[in-house]
Amino acid sequence: MSAPHTGVPALLNTALPSPVPRDEHDQCPVTDVLRRVGDKWTVVVVVLLGQRPHRFNELHRGIEAISQRMLTRTLRGLEQDGLVHREVFPTNPPSVEYRLTPLGASLLEPLSALAEWAITHQPTIAASRGVNIRQPRDT
C-alpha cells in the first residue's frame, strides 16, 4: 500500500460470521457503497465532476458510450446519495449544472487508491486470467 494510505484501517479487522447472513450482507454500508460505485458509469462521472462542475451535455459528450438515459439515472442516483449537487439556472431554456458535494469529493481519495491498486496489479490479474494486455506505446 502506498504511503498516503498506510493509516487506513483494514476491513479484515472486522470479523465476519460464517456463513454471512444474507440480510447482514444486503444491509451492510460497504455493500451499499460498492453497489453504487461498482456500476458501469459512476466512477467516470465522479472523476469528471471531481475535475470541475459540468452541464449535462458536457458530461454526455465527455463519456462516449453512455446513453442520455443512463447518464440521467447515474446522476439521479448520485444526487439521491448526496454525492452530487444539481443546480438549475433560471435561463430559457433552463440550464442544469452538476458538481460534487463535499461528500462526493471525499470519495475521490479512496477511488484514487483503488485505481492505483488496479493499475499496479493489472498485469498480474491479466496473467491469472490468461489474458494478454496491451501495454501503452512510448511515443
Foldseek 3Di string as FASTA:
>chain_A
DDPVCPPPDDPVVDDADVPHDPVCCVPPPVNVVCVLCVDDPQVVVLVVLLVDKDWLVVVCVVDPPDDSVVSVVNQVVCVVVQQKDWDWDPDVVITIIIHGDPVSNVVVVVVVVVVVVCVVCVVVVCVVVVHDDDDDDDD
